[in-house]
C-alpha atoms as a PDB file:
ATOM      1  CA  UNK A   1       0.000   0.000   0.000  1.00  0.00           C
ATOM      2  CA  UNK A   2       1.307   3.449  -0.918  1.00  0.00           C
ATOM      3  CA  UNK A   3       1.382   5.949   1.922  1.00  0.00           C
ATOM      4  CA  UNK A   4       2.215   9.653   2.060  1.00  0.00           C
ATOM      5  CA  UNK A   5       4.428  11.382   4.637  1.00  0.00           C
ATOM      6  CA  UNK A   6       5.547  14.968   4.997  1.00  0.00           C
ATOM      7  CA  UNK A   7       8.432  16.374   7.003  1.00  0.00           C
ATOM      8  CA  UNK A   8       9.938  19.782   7.740  1.00  0.00           C
ATOM      9  CA  UNK A   9      13.716  19.461   8.157  1.00  0.00           C
ATOM     10  CA  UNK A  10      15.409  22.256  10.134  1.00  0.00           C
ATOM     11  CA  UNK A  11      19.068  23.144  10.633  1.00  0.00           C
ATOM     12  CA  UNK A  12      21.761  23.888   8.073  1.00  0.00           C
ATOM     13  CA  UNK A  13      19.819  22.264   5.245  1.00  0.00           C
ATOM     14  CA  UNK A  14      19.906  24.898   2.506  1.00  0.00           C
ATOM     15  CA  UNK A  15      22.985  25.473   0.379  1.00  0.00           C
ATOM     16  CA  UNK A  16      24.426  22.057   1.272  1.00  0.00           C
ATOM     17  CA  UNK A  17      22.820  19.973  -1.504  1.00  0.00           C
ATOM     18  CA  UNK A  18      20.144  18.634   0.860  1.00  0.00           C
ATOM     19  CA  UNK A  19      17.359  18.579  -1.742  1.00  0.00           C
ATOM     20  CA  UNK A  20      19.481  16.841  -4.384  1.00  0.00           C
ATOM     21  CA  UNK A  21      20.698  14.243  -1.898  1.00  0.00           C
ATOM     22  CA  UNK A  22      17.100  13.691  -0.750  1.00  0.00           C
ATOM     23  CA  UNK A  23      16.100  13.109  -4.376  1.00  0.00           C
ATOM     24  CA  UNK A  24      18.896  10.518  -4.767  1.00  0.00           C
ATOM     25  CA  UNK A  25      17.912   8.770  -1.545  1.00  0.00           C
ATOM     26  CA  UNK A  26      14.224   8.771  -2.518  1.00  0.00           C
ATOM     27  CA  UNK A  27      15.001   7.265  -5.912  1.00  0.00           C
ATOM     28  CA  UNK A  28      17.168   4.551  -4.286  1.00  0.00           C
ATOM     29  CA  UNK A  29      14.251   3.677  -2.032  1.00  0.00           C
ATOM     30  CA  UNK A  30      11.632   3.732  -4.815  1.00  0.00           C
ATOM     31  CA  UNK A  31       9.845   6.718  -3.298  1.00  0.00           C
ATOM     32  CA  UNK A  32       8.052   9.470  -5.238  1.00  0.00           C
ATOM     33  CA  UNK A  33       7.998  12.994  -3.901  1.00  0.00           C
ATOM     34  CA  UNK A  34       9.362  16.497  -3.727  1.00  0.00           C
ATOM     35  CA  UNK A  35      11.936  18.354  -1.644  1.00  0.00           C
ATOM     36  CA  UNK A  36      11.733  22.147  -1.592  1.00  0.00           C
ATOM     37  CA  UNK A  37      13.380  25.013   0.241  1.00  0.00           C
ATOM     38  CA  UNK A  38      11.139  27.078   2.519  1.00  0.00           C
ATOM     39  CA  UNK A  39      11.592  30.782   3.229  1.00  0.00           C
ATOM     40  CA  UNK A  40      12.288  30.045   6.921  1.00  0.00           C
ATOM     41  CA  UNK A  41      15.473  28.131   5.981  1.00  0.00           C
ATOM     42  CA  UNK A  42      13.977  24.660   6.386  1.00  0.00           C
ATOM     43  CA  UNK A  43      13.368  22.020   3.711  1.00  0.00           C
ATOM     44  CA  UNK A  44       9.927  20.513   3.137  1.00  0.00           C
ATOM     45  CA  UNK A  45       9.859  16.876   2.011  1.00  0.00           C
ATOM     46  CA  UNK A  46       6.663  15.206   0.805  1.00  0.00           C
ATOM     47  CA  UNK A  47       7.018  11.550  -0.174  1.00  0.00           C
ATOM     48  CA  UNK A  48       4.895   8.597  -1.217  1.00  0.00           C
ATOM     49  CA  UNK A  49       5.893   4.946  -1.030  1.00  0.00           C
ATOM     50  CA  UNK A  50       5.751   1.809   1.054  1.00  0.00           C
ATOM     51  CA  UNK A  51       5.833   2.065   4.853  1.00  0.00           C
ATOM     52  CA  UNK A  52       9.300   0.498   4.895  1.00  0.00           C
ATOM     53  CA  UNK A  53      10.719   2.904   2.284  1.00  0.00           C
ATOM     54  CA  UNK A  54       9.204   5.940   4.011  1.00  0.00           C
ATOM     55  CA  UNK A  55      10.642   4.817   7.358  1.00  0.00           C
ATOM     56  CA  UNK A  56      14.103   4.491   5.792  1.00  0.00           C
ATOM     57  CA  UNK A  57      13.762   7.951   4.230  1.00  0.00           C
ATOM     58  CA  UNK A  58      12.673   9.392   7.590  1.00  0.00           C
ATOM     59  CA  UNK A  59      15.762   7.887   9.234  1.00  0.00           C
ATOM     60  CA  UNK A  60      18.018   9.303   6.505  1.00  0.00           C
ATOM     61  CA  UNK A  61      16.469  12.777   6.922  1.00  0.00           C
ATOM     62  CA  UNK A  62      17.666  12.779  10.554  1.00  0.00           C
ATOM     63  CA  UNK A  63      21.247  12.989   9.241  1.00  0.00           C
ATOM     64  CA  UNK A  64      21.055  14.180   5.621  1.00  0.00           C
ATOM     65  CA  UNK A  65      24.055  14.641   3.322  1.00  0.00           C
ATOM     66  CA  UNK A  66      27.646  15.209   4.406  1.00  0.00           C
ATOM     67  CA  UNK A  67      27.649  19.012   4.810  1.00  0.00           C
ATOM     68  CA  UNK A  68      24.183  19.331   6.365  1.00  0.00           C
ATOM     69  CA  UNK A  69      23.474  19.783  10.050  1.00  0.00           C
ATOM     70  CA  UNK A  70      19.995  18.523  10.900  1.00  0.00           C
ATOM     71  CA  UNK A  71      18.649  20.033  14.116  1.00  0.00           C
ATOM     72  CA  UNK A  72      15.132  18.598  13.896  1.00  0.00           C
ATOM     73  CA  UNK A  73      12.759  16.720  11.628  1.00  0.00           C
ATOM     74  CA  UNK A  74       9.098  17.536  12.200  1.00  0.00           C
ATOM     75  CA  UNK A  75       6.538  15.006  10.983  1.00  0.00           C
ATOM     76  CA  UNK A  76       3.624  16.964   9.465  1.00  0.00           C
ATOM     77  CA  UNK A  77       0.344  15.156  10.004  1.00  0.00           C
ATOM     78  CA  UNK A  78      -1.785  15.115   7.971  1.00  0.00           C
ATOM     79  CA  UNK A  79       0.515  15.514   4.978  1.00  0.00           C
ATOM     80  CA  UNK A  80      -0.182  17.929   2.135  1.00  0.00           C
ATOM     81  CA  UNK A  81      -2.782  16.860  -0.371  1.00  0.00           C
ATOM     82  CA  UNK A  82      -0.969  18.237  -3.426  1.00  0.00           C
ATOM     83  CA  UNK A  83      -0.536  16.009  -6.478  1.00  0.00           C
ATOM     84  CA  UNK A  84       2.927  14.495  -6.850  1.00  0.00           C
ATOM     85  CA  UNK A  85       4.478  13.437 -10.144  1.00  0.00           C
ATOM     86  CA  UNK A  86       6.107  10.041 -10.545  1.00  0.00           C
ATOM     87  CA  UNK A  87       9.710  10.059  -9.401  1.00  0.00           C
ATOM     88  CA  UNK A  88      11.409  12.325  -6.898  1.00  0.00           C
ATOM     89  CA  UNK A  89      12.109  15.922  -7.795  1.00  0.00           C
ATOM     90  CA  UNK A  90      13.353  19.127  -6.243  1.00  0.00           C
ATOM     91  CA  UNK A  91      11.517  22.409  -6.325  1.00  0.00           C
END
């Protein structure tokens, strides 16, 4: 069953290739979604996939790519209802 999750990732997550690395990780896990910068300096991640894949993505978001510093990951519930394209993309 495909599920949807949404997170707000805070810390040093802009300007460190966080969105691109999230796209790579999502594709590895077979997850569709989007990662986008927010004006408050956080990154919003909306993803759809299996429970197992979404759990692995959530764990990865706690650390992020090499130059990021993740201070917190907030699980947004309920997630956004926007339509997502196939694949994982950055906005």
